[in-house]
Amino acid sequence: MTRVLSPVAGRAIGLARVPDAVFAQAMVGPGTAVDPERRAGRSIAPVSGRIVKLHPHAYVIVDDEGHGVLVHLGIETVKLRGRGFEPLAAEGDEVNAGEPVVAWDPVVVEAAGRSPICAVVALDADGGALTRLREDGPVQQGTELFTWT
């Protein structure tokens, strides 16, 4: 079982409320989303494992069970070309859950006309594989968002 932690503090809103059809329709996998607090901070690793993909605005960590968790910081933030983001780790790094991975500023993202909502996705998972899914209410950074069996 994989416990997936919130990479940022804010309000859980569920994937269906993400303003992007790819996430809202769970096309890349089930999960949830967090509307982050509007202040600069560091996004953390939601699970312990290896960073297999790292962009300034998104990263994937695969744990020892082979579960890949995508953290996407904001919507269409690839178009910002890294503005407002600073990677703090590298692809191939092993990280523990809770370690900082990317420094970012949701205020910069929003000022650039993008949504800062963070999707947290269990890549290629069956929707029934997730339990204790948080889709509403405040969350602190490091709060469990869901478990993956």
Foldseek 3Di string as FASTA:
>chain_A
DWFFFFQAWAKKAFQCPAPDCCRNVQVQAGATKGQHDQFWDFGWGRAWAFWQDDDQQKTWGAHPVRWIKIKGFWDPCVVVVNVFKDAPDDGGDTDHTPHGGMIGGQNVCVVVVTRRMITIGRGPADPVQWPPAHRGGTDHGGHGRIGGD
